Amino acid sequence: MPAVLDLWKKTSALPLGDRVFSIAFSRKAPYFASIRPRFTVIEPHRAELVIRDRRRVHNHIGSVHAIALCNGLEAAMGALAESSIPRGQRWIPQGMEVTYTARASSDITCIAETDPEQWLADAGEGYHLPVRVRGVRTDGTVVVEGEIRLWVTARR
């Protein structure tokens, strides 16, 4: 079992375990701590986290800042990738393309998804893998959606 998925399963079963996991994940990639993500789902091909609506992540109009949203989407994608990638492969993000579709005026759930067959390509030559991402307000409105492109290769 991938280390991130194993840690999630161990910690999320504990009281406040999702918070423990979220802090540990943010320590591994410290920039993620700027949004204080709270992971709620980690499984192969899907990860979700929540960015709380608070002044620390606001823009000048009082909603969650676009870069905070992208940070959350990338954190969700990273947890998904670590939980989904076949043994002997590695990944690195190559780019992100997002569209902002509504004002981010509440807590935002950042979701990353792939399909199992996306991870089956031969990593010998490397391959591009698109990860679908979106951010959703508490009322169900999508505020940002797009794709993060990964480059997947064999581990050396």
N, C-alpha and C. Protein backbone atom coordinates (compact mmCIF):
# COMPACT_ATOMS: atom_id res chain seq x y z
N MET A 1 0.85 -1.18 0.00
CA MET A 1 0.00 0.00 0.00
C MET A 1 0.89 1.24 0.00
N PRO A 2 0.60 2.23 -0.84
CA PRO A 2 1.39 3.46 -0.85
C PRO A 2 1.42 4.11 0.53
N ALA A 3 2.54 4.74 0.86
CA ALA A 3 2.76 5.31 2.20
C ALA A 3 1.70 6.33 2.58
N VAL A 4 1.31 7.22 1.64
CA VAL A 4 0.31 8.24 1.95
C VAL A 4 -1.03 7.58 2.29
N LEU A 5 -1.41 6.61 1.51
CA LEU A 5 -2.67 5.91 1.75
C LEU A 5 -2.64 5.14 3.07
N ASP A 6 -1.52 4.52 3.36
CA ASP A 6 -1.35 3.79 4.61
C ASP A 6 -1.46 4.74 5.81
N LEU A 7 -0.76 5.89 5.72
CA LEU A 7 -0.82 6.87 6.81
C LEU A 7 -2.24 7.40 6.98
N TRP A 8 -2.94 7.66 5.86
CA TRP A 8 -4.32 8.13 5.94
C TRP A 8 -5.20 7.12 6.65
N LYS A 9 -5.08 5.85 6.27
CA LYS A 9 -5.93 4.81 6.88
C LYS A 9 -5.65 4.68 8.38
N LYS A 10 -4.40 4.81 8.77
CA LYS A 10 -4.05 4.71 10.20
C LYS A 10 -4.55 5.92 10.98
N THR A 11 -4.31 7.11 10.45
CA THR A 11 -4.64 8.31 11.22
C THR A 11 -6.13 8.65 11.17
N SER A 12 -6.78 8.44 10.04
CA SER A 12 -8.18 8.86 9.92
C SER A 12 -9.10 8.03 10.81
N ALA A 13 -8.64 6.89 11.26
CA ALA A 13 -9.44 6.05 12.16
C ALA A 13 -9.39 6.57 13.60
N LEU A 14 -8.49 7.49 13.88
CA LEU A 14 -8.33 8.02 15.23
C LEU A 14 -9.15 9.30 15.42
N PRO A 15 -9.48 9.62 16.67
CA PRO A 15 -10.13 10.92 16.91
C PRO A 15 -9.19 12.05 16.43
N LEU A 16 -9.71 12.98 15.68
CA LEU A 16 -8.95 14.09 15.08
C LEU A 16 -7.85 13.60 14.15
N GLY A 17 -7.95 12.37 13.70
CA GLY A 17 -6.93 11.79 12.83
C GLY A 17 -6.79 12.49 11.50
N ASP A 18 -7.90 13.01 10.95
CA ASP A 18 -7.81 13.74 9.69
C ASP A 18 -6.95 14.99 9.86
N ARG A 19 -7.03 15.60 11.02
CA ARG A 19 -6.20 16.79 11.29
C ARG A 19 -4.73 16.40 11.45
N VAL A 20 -4.49 15.29 12.12
CA VAL A 20 -3.12 14.81 12.29
C VAL A 20 -2.50 14.53 10.92
N PHE A 21 -3.25 13.83 10.07
CA PHE A 21 -2.76 13.54 8.73
C PHE A 21 -2.49 14.83 7.97
N SER A 22 -3.42 15.77 8.02
CA SER A 22 -3.30 17.02 7.26
C SER A 22 -2.06 17.80 7.68
N ILE A 23 -1.76 17.81 8.97
CA ILE A 23 -0.55 18.50 9.46
C ILE A 23 0.69 17.78 8.95
N ALA A 24 0.70 16.45 9.03
CA ALA A 24 1.85 15.67 8.55
C ALA A 24 2.06 15.88 7.06
N PHE A 25 0.99 15.88 6.29
CA PHE A 25 1.08 16.09 4.84
C PHE A 25 1.67 17.47 4.54
N SER A 26 1.21 18.47 5.28
CA SER A 26 1.69 19.84 5.07
C SER A 26 3.14 20.02 5.50
N ARG A 27 3.60 19.21 6.42
CA ARG A 27 5.02 19.28 6.81
C ARG A 27 5.91 18.71 5.70
N LYS A 28 5.40 17.75 4.96
CA LYS A 28 6.17 17.16 3.86
C LYS A 28 6.33 18.17 2.71
N ALA A 29 5.30 18.95 2.45
CA ALA A 29 5.33 20.00 1.43
C ALA A 29 4.86 21.28 2.12
N PRO A 30 5.77 22.03 2.75
CA PRO A 30 5.40 23.13 3.66
C PRO A 30 4.51 24.22 3.07
N TYR A 31 4.56 24.48 1.77
CA TYR A 31 3.72 25.54 1.22
C TYR A 31 2.24 25.24 1.41
N PHE A 32 1.86 23.96 1.42
CA PHE A 32 0.46 23.60 1.62
C PHE A 32 -0.06 24.09 2.97
N ALA A 33 0.82 24.23 3.95
CA ALA A 33 0.39 24.69 5.27
C ALA A 33 -0.22 26.09 5.22
N SER A 34 0.09 26.86 4.18
CA SER A 34 -0.45 28.22 4.09
C SER A 34 -1.97 28.24 3.99
N ILE A 35 -2.58 27.15 3.53
CA ILE A 35 -4.04 27.09 3.43
C ILE A 35 -4.65 26.22 4.53
N ARG A 36 -3.82 25.60 5.33
CA ARG A 36 -4.28 24.68 6.38
C ARG A 36 -5.32 23.69 5.86
N PRO A 37 -4.94 22.86 4.92
CA PRO A 37 -5.92 21.92 4.35
C PRO A 37 -6.38 20.91 5.40
N ARG A 38 -7.63 20.51 5.31
CA ARG A 38 -8.14 19.41 6.14
C ARG A 38 -8.64 18.33 5.19
N PHE A 39 -7.82 17.28 5.06
CA PHE A 39 -8.19 16.18 4.16
C PHE A 39 -9.41 15.45 4.72
N THR A 40 -10.31 15.08 3.82
CA THR A 40 -11.52 14.36 4.22
C THR A 40 -11.66 13.02 3.51
N VAL A 41 -11.05 12.88 2.33
CA VAL A 41 -11.09 11.64 1.56
C VAL A 41 -9.74 11.44 0.90
N ILE A 42 -9.17 10.25 1.09
CA ILE A 42 -7.99 9.85 0.31
C ILE A 42 -8.18 8.38 -0.01
N GLU A 43 -8.21 8.12 -1.29
CA GLU A 43 -8.32 6.75 -1.78
C GLU A 43 -7.73 6.74 -3.18
N PRO A 44 -7.41 5.57 -3.71
CA PRO A 44 -6.91 5.57 -5.08
C PRO A 44 -7.91 6.26 -6.00
N HIS A 45 -7.40 7.17 -6.80
CA HIS A 45 -8.16 7.86 -7.84
C HIS A 45 -9.08 8.96 -7.33
N ARG A 46 -9.02 9.28 -6.04
CA ARG A 46 -9.84 10.39 -5.51
C ARG A 46 -9.24 10.91 -4.21
N ALA A 47 -9.18 12.23 -4.10
CA ALA A 47 -8.79 12.87 -2.85
C ALA A 47 -9.60 14.15 -2.70
N GLU A 48 -9.94 14.46 -1.46
CA GLU A 48 -10.69 15.68 -1.16
C GLU A 48 -10.10 16.32 0.09
N LEU A 49 -10.13 17.63 0.09
CA LEU A 49 -9.73 18.39 1.26
C LEU A 49 -10.58 19.65 1.34
N VAL A 50 -10.61 20.24 2.51
CA VAL A 50 -11.39 21.47 2.71
C VAL A 50 -10.45 22.61 3.07
N ILE A 51 -10.67 23.74 2.40
CA ILE A 51 -10.03 25.00 2.77
C ILE A 51 -11.09 25.82 3.48
N ARG A 52 -10.84 26.13 4.74
CA ARG A 52 -11.81 26.93 5.49
C ARG A 52 -11.81 28.38 5.01
N ASP A 53 -13.00 28.97 4.96
CA ASP A 53 -13.18 30.36 4.57
C ASP A 53 -12.79 31.24 5.76
N ARG A 54 -11.58 31.77 5.70
CA ARG A 54 -11.10 32.64 6.78
C ARG A 54 -10.21 33.72 6.18
N ARG A 55 -10.05 34.78 6.92
CA ARG A 55 -9.35 35.95 6.41
C ARG A 55 -7.97 35.62 5.86
N ARG A 56 -7.29 34.68 6.44
CA ARG A 56 -5.92 34.34 6.05
C ARG A 56 -5.81 33.92 4.57
N VAL A 57 -6.88 33.40 3.99
CA VAL A 57 -6.84 32.95 2.59
C VAL A 57 -7.68 33.84 1.67
N HIS A 58 -8.11 35.00 2.18
CA HIS A 58 -8.97 35.89 1.39
C HIS A 58 -8.19 36.75 0.42
N ASN A 59 -8.91 37.17 -0.62
CA ASN A 59 -8.41 38.19 -1.54
C ASN A 59 -8.98 39.54 -1.11
N HIS A 60 -8.83 40.55 -1.94
CA HIS A 60 -9.27 41.91 -1.60
C HIS A 60 -10.79 42.07 -1.56
N ILE A 61 -11.56 41.10 -2.11
CA ILE A 61 -13.03 41.21 -2.07
C ILE A 61 -13.65 40.27 -1.04
N GLY A 62 -12.81 39.66 -0.22
CA GLY A 62 -13.32 38.87 0.89
C GLY A 62 -13.70 37.43 0.57
N SER A 63 -13.27 36.92 -0.57
CA SER A 63 -13.53 35.51 -0.88
C SER A 63 -12.19 34.76 -0.91
N VAL A 64 -12.25 33.44 -1.01
CA VAL A 64 -11.03 32.65 -1.01
C VAL A 64 -10.23 32.98 -2.28
N HIS A 65 -8.98 33.32 -2.08
CA HIS A 65 -8.09 33.76 -3.15
C HIS A 65 -7.86 32.67 -4.19
N ALA A 66 -7.72 33.06 -5.43
CA ALA A 66 -7.51 32.12 -6.53
C ALA A 66 -6.29 31.24 -6.31
N ILE A 67 -5.22 31.80 -5.80
CA ILE A 67 -4.00 31.01 -5.60
C ILE A 67 -4.18 30.05 -4.42
N ALA A 68 -4.94 30.43 -3.42
CA ALA A 68 -5.26 29.49 -2.33
C ALA A 68 -6.05 28.31 -2.89
N LEU A 69 -6.98 28.60 -3.81
CA LEU A 69 -7.74 27.52 -4.44
C LEU A 69 -6.81 26.59 -5.22
N CYS A 70 -5.90 27.15 -6.00
CA CYS A 70 -4.95 26.33 -6.76
C CYS A 70 -4.06 25.51 -5.84
N ASN A 71 -3.66 26.10 -4.73
CA ASN A 71 -2.85 25.39 -3.74
C ASN A 71 -3.63 24.18 -3.20
N GLY A 72 -4.90 24.39 -2.91
CA GLY A 72 -5.73 23.28 -2.43
C GLY A 72 -5.92 22.20 -3.48
N LEU A 73 -6.13 22.61 -4.73
CA LEU A 73 -6.28 21.64 -5.81
C LEU A 73 -5.00 20.83 -5.98
N GLU A 74 -3.86 21.49 -5.89
CA GLU A 74 -2.60 20.77 -6.06
C GLU A 74 -2.34 19.83 -4.88
N ALA A 75 -2.71 20.22 -3.67
CA ALA A 75 -2.55 19.33 -2.52
C ALA A 75 -3.42 18.09 -2.68
N ALA A 76 -4.67 18.29 -3.11
CA ALA A 76 -5.56 17.15 -3.33
C ALA A 76 -4.99 16.24 -4.42
N MET A 77 -4.49 16.84 -5.50
CA MET A 77 -3.89 16.06 -6.58
C MET A 77 -2.70 15.27 -6.08
N GLY A 78 -1.86 15.87 -5.24
CA GLY A 78 -0.68 15.18 -4.73
C GLY A 78 -1.05 13.97 -3.89
N ALA A 79 -2.06 14.11 -3.05
CA ALA A 79 -2.52 12.97 -2.24
C ALA A 79 -3.09 11.88 -3.13
N LEU A 80 -3.86 12.27 -4.14
CA LEU A 80 -4.40 11.29 -5.10
C LEU A 80 -3.26 10.57 -5.82
N ALA A 81 -2.29 11.33 -6.33
CA ALA A 81 -1.20 10.73 -7.10
C ALA A 81 -0.40 9.75 -6.23
N GLU A 82 -0.11 10.14 -5.01
CA GLU A 82 0.65 9.26 -4.13
C GLU A 82 -0.14 8.01 -3.77
N SER A 83 -1.45 8.09 -3.79
CA SER A 83 -2.31 6.95 -3.45
C SER A 83 -2.66 6.08 -4.65
N SER A 84 -2.38 6.56 -5.85
CA SER A 84 -2.81 5.87 -7.06
C SER A 84 -1.67 5.32 -7.91
N ILE A 85 -0.51 5.92 -7.82
CA ILE A 85 0.57 5.58 -8.74
C ILE A 85 1.06 4.15 -8.52
N PRO A 86 1.26 3.41 -9.60
CA PRO A 86 1.77 2.05 -9.47
C PRO A 86 3.19 2.03 -8.88
N ARG A 87 3.48 0.98 -8.18
CA ARG A 87 4.82 0.79 -7.61
C ARG A 87 5.85 0.86 -8.73
N GLY A 88 6.97 1.50 -8.48
CA GLY A 88 8.02 1.60 -9.49
C GLY A 88 7.89 2.79 -10.42
N GLN A 89 6.90 3.65 -10.17
CA GLN A 89 6.73 4.85 -10.98
C GLN A 89 6.80 6.09 -10.10
N ARG A 90 7.03 7.21 -10.74
CA ARG A 90 7.05 8.50 -10.03
C ARG A 90 6.34 9.53 -10.90
N TRP A 91 5.98 10.65 -10.28
CA TRP A 91 5.22 11.68 -10.99
C TRP A 91 5.76 13.05 -10.63
N ILE A 92 5.50 13.98 -11.51
CA ILE A 92 5.81 15.38 -11.24
C ILE A 92 4.76 16.22 -11.98
N PRO A 93 4.25 17.28 -11.36
CA PRO A 93 3.28 18.11 -12.09
C PRO A 93 3.98 18.88 -13.20
N GLN A 94 3.32 18.98 -14.35
CA GLN A 94 3.86 19.73 -15.48
C GLN A 94 3.10 21.02 -15.74
N GLY A 95 1.89 21.09 -15.27
CA GLY A 95 1.12 22.31 -15.51
C GLY A 95 -0.28 22.19 -14.95
N MET A 96 -0.91 23.33 -14.86
CA MET A 96 -2.27 23.40 -14.33
C MET A 96 -3.05 24.38 -15.19
N GLU A 97 -4.25 24.00 -15.53
CA GLU A 97 -5.14 24.91 -16.24
C GLU A 97 -6.48 24.90 -15.51
N VAL A 98 -6.89 26.07 -15.04
CA VAL A 98 -8.15 26.15 -14.29
C VAL A 98 -8.99 27.31 -14.80
N THR A 99 -10.28 27.18 -14.57
CA THR A 99 -11.23 28.23 -14.87
C THR A 99 -11.98 28.54 -13.59
N TYR A 100 -12.08 29.82 -13.27
CA TYR A 100 -12.82 30.25 -12.10
C TYR A 100 -14.26 30.50 -12.54
N THR A 101 -15.20 29.79 -11.93
CA THR A 101 -16.57 29.80 -12.42
C THR A 101 -17.56 30.52 -11.50
N ALA A 102 -17.16 30.77 -10.26
CA ALA A 102 -18.05 31.46 -9.32
C ALA A 102 -17.21 31.99 -8.17
N ARG A 103 -17.79 32.87 -7.39
CA ARG A 103 -17.09 33.43 -6.23
C ARG A 103 -16.93 32.37 -5.15
N ALA A 104 -15.74 32.28 -4.60
CA ALA A 104 -15.42 31.29 -3.57
C ALA A 104 -15.75 31.89 -2.20
N SER A 105 -17.03 31.92 -1.87
CA SER A 105 -17.52 32.67 -0.71
C SER A 105 -17.95 31.78 0.46
N SER A 106 -17.32 30.63 0.61
CA SER A 106 -17.59 29.75 1.76
C SER A 106 -16.37 28.85 1.91
N ASP A 107 -16.45 27.88 2.82
CA ASP A 107 -15.43 26.83 2.82
C ASP A 107 -15.45 26.20 1.43
N ILE A 108 -14.29 25.75 0.97
CA ILE A 108 -14.19 25.15 -0.36
C ILE A 108 -13.65 23.73 -0.24
N THR A 109 -14.36 22.78 -0.84
CA THR A 109 -13.87 21.41 -0.92
C THR A 109 -13.14 21.26 -2.24
N CYS A 110 -11.85 20.92 -2.16
CA CYS A 110 -11.02 20.70 -3.34
C CYS A 110 -11.00 19.21 -3.63
N ILE A 111 -11.31 18.85 -4.87
CA ILE A 111 -11.46 17.45 -5.26
C ILE A 111 -10.53 17.17 -6.44
N ALA A 112 -9.81 16.05 -6.37
CA ALA A 112 -8.98 15.58 -7.47
C ALA A 112 -9.42 14.16 -7.81
N GLU A 113 -9.53 13.86 -9.12
CA GLU A 113 -10.01 12.54 -9.55
C GLU A 113 -9.27 12.07 -10.80
N THR A 114 -9.06 10.76 -10.87
CA THR A 114 -8.59 10.10 -12.08
C THR A 114 -9.39 8.82 -12.24
N ASP A 115 -9.21 8.18 -13.37
CA ASP A 115 -9.79 6.86 -13.62
C ASP A 115 -8.67 5.83 -13.50
N PRO A 116 -8.96 4.63 -13.01
CA PRO A 116 -7.91 3.63 -12.81
C PRO A 116 -7.08 3.35 -14.07
N GLU A 117 -7.72 3.31 -15.23
CA GLU A 117 -6.99 2.97 -16.46
C GLU A 117 -5.98 4.04 -16.86
N GLN A 118 -6.11 5.25 -16.33
CA GLN A 118 -5.14 6.29 -16.66
C GLN A 118 -3.74 5.94 -16.18
N TRP A 119 -3.63 5.13 -15.15
CA TRP A 119 -2.35 4.79 -14.55
C TRP A 119 -1.72 3.54 -15.15
N LEU A 120 -2.31 2.99 -16.20
CA LEU A 120 -1.85 1.71 -16.75
C LEU A 120 -0.87 1.84 -17.91
N ALA A 121 -0.57 3.05 -18.35
CA ALA A 121 0.35 3.23 -19.47
C ALA A 121 1.76 2.77 -19.09
N ASP A 122 2.57 2.48 -20.09
CA ASP A 122 3.96 2.07 -19.88
C ASP A 122 4.78 3.29 -19.48
N ALA A 123 5.37 3.25 -18.30
CA ALA A 123 6.13 4.39 -17.80
C ALA A 123 7.55 4.42 -18.33
N GLY A 124 7.94 3.42 -19.12
CA GLY A 124 9.30 3.37 -19.65
C GLY A 124 9.67 4.62 -20.42
N GLU A 125 8.82 5.06 -21.28
CA GLU A 125 9.04 6.29 -22.06
C GLU A 125 8.46 7.51 -21.36
N GLY A 126 7.69 7.29 -20.32
CA GLY A 126 7.00 8.38 -19.65
C GLY A 126 5.68 8.66 -20.34
N TYR A 127 4.73 9.18 -19.59
CA TYR A 127 3.44 9.51 -20.18
C TYR A 127 2.79 10.65 -19.42
N HIS A 128 1.92 11.35 -20.14
CA HIS A 128 1.16 12.46 -19.56
C HIS A 128 -0.11 11.90 -18.93
N LEU A 129 -0.43 12.39 -17.76
CA LEU A 129 -1.63 11.93 -17.06
C LEU A 129 -2.41 13.15 -16.57
N PRO A 130 -3.59 13.41 -17.13
CA PRO A 130 -4.39 14.54 -16.66
C PRO A 130 -5.19 14.16 -15.41
N VAL A 131 -5.16 15.03 -14.42
CA VAL A 131 -5.95 14.85 -13.19
C VAL A 131 -7.04 15.91 -13.20
N ARG A 132 -8.28 15.47 -13.11
CA ARG A 132 -9.42 16.40 -13.06
C ARG A 132 -9.49 16.99 -11.64
N VAL A 133 -9.63 18.31 -11.58
CA VAL A 133 -9.72 18.99 -10.28
C VAL A 133 -10.87 19.97 -10.30
N ARG A 134 -11.45 20.17 -9.12
CA ARG A 134 -12.49 21.19 -8.98
C ARG A 134 -12.59 21.61 -7.52
N GLY A 135 -13.10 22.81 -7.32
CA GLY A 135 -13.36 23.33 -5.99
C GLY A 135 -14.84 23.66 -5.88
N VAL A 136 -15.45 23.26 -4.76
CA VAL A 136 -16.90 23.37 -4.61
C VAL A 136 -17.24 24.09 -3.31
N ARG A 137 -18.14 25.08 -3.40
CA ARG A 137 -18.64 25.77 -2.20
C ARG A 137 -19.53 24.84 -1.40
N THR A 138 -19.87 25.25 -0.19
CA THR A 138 -20.74 24.43 0.67
C THR A 138 -22.14 24.28 0.10
N ASP A 139 -22.56 25.20 -0.77
CA ASP A 139 -23.89 25.07 -1.39
C ASP A 139 -23.88 24.22 -2.65
N GLY A 140 -22.71 23.62 -2.99
CA GLY A 140 -22.60 22.75 -4.15
C GLY A 140 -22.16 23.43 -5.44
N THR A 141 -22.00 24.74 -5.40
CA THR A 141 -21.57 25.48 -6.59
C THR A 141 -20.09 25.26 -6.86
N VAL A 142 -19.75 24.89 -8.09
CA VAL A 142 -18.35 24.75 -8.49
C VAL A 142 -17.77 26.15 -8.69
N VAL A 143 -16.67 26.45 -8.00
CA VAL A 143 -16.05 27.77 -8.09
C VAL A 143 -14.79 27.77 -8.94
N VAL A 144 -14.19 26.60 -9.10
CA VAL A 144 -13.00 26.46 -9.94
C VAL A 144 -12.97 25.02 -10.46
N GLU A 145 -12.57 24.87 -11.71
CA GLU A 145 -12.44 23.53 -12.26
C GLU A 145 -11.34 23.53 -13.31
N GLY A 146 -10.76 22.38 -13.51
CA GLY A 146 -9.69 22.30 -14.50
C GLY A 146 -8.96 20.99 -14.46
N GLU A 147 -7.67 21.08 -14.79
CA GLU A 147 -6.86 19.88 -14.94
C GLU A 147 -5.43 20.20 -14.51
N ILE A 148 -4.83 19.26 -13.81
CA ILE A 148 -3.41 19.32 -13.51
C ILE A 148 -2.76 18.19 -14.31
N ARG A 149 -1.76 18.55 -15.11
CA ARG A 149 -1.09 17.56 -15.95
C ARG A 149 0.15 17.03 -15.24
N LEU A 150 0.21 15.71 -15.13
CA LEU A 150 1.37 15.05 -14.53
C LEU A 150 2.22 14.41 -15.61
N TRP A 151 3.51 14.30 -15.35
CA TRP A 151 4.41 13.51 -16.17
C TRP A 151 4.82 12.33 -15.31
N VAL A 152 4.50 11.13 -15.78
CA VAL A 152 4.75 9.91 -15.02
C VAL A 152 5.85 9.12 -15.73
N THR A 153 6.85 8.70 -14.95
CA THR A 153 7.97 7.92 -15.50
C THR A 153 8.29 6.77 -14.56
N ALA A 154 9.13 5.87 -15.05
CA ALA A 154 9.62 4.79 -14.20
C ALA A 154 10.56 5.38 -13.16
N ARG A 155 10.50 4.83 -11.97
CA ARG A 155 11.41 5.26 -10.89
C ARG A 155 12.80 4.72 -11.20
N ARG A 156 13.80 5.53 -11.03
CA ARG A 156 15.19 5.10 -11.32
C ARG A 156 15.77 4.35 -10.17
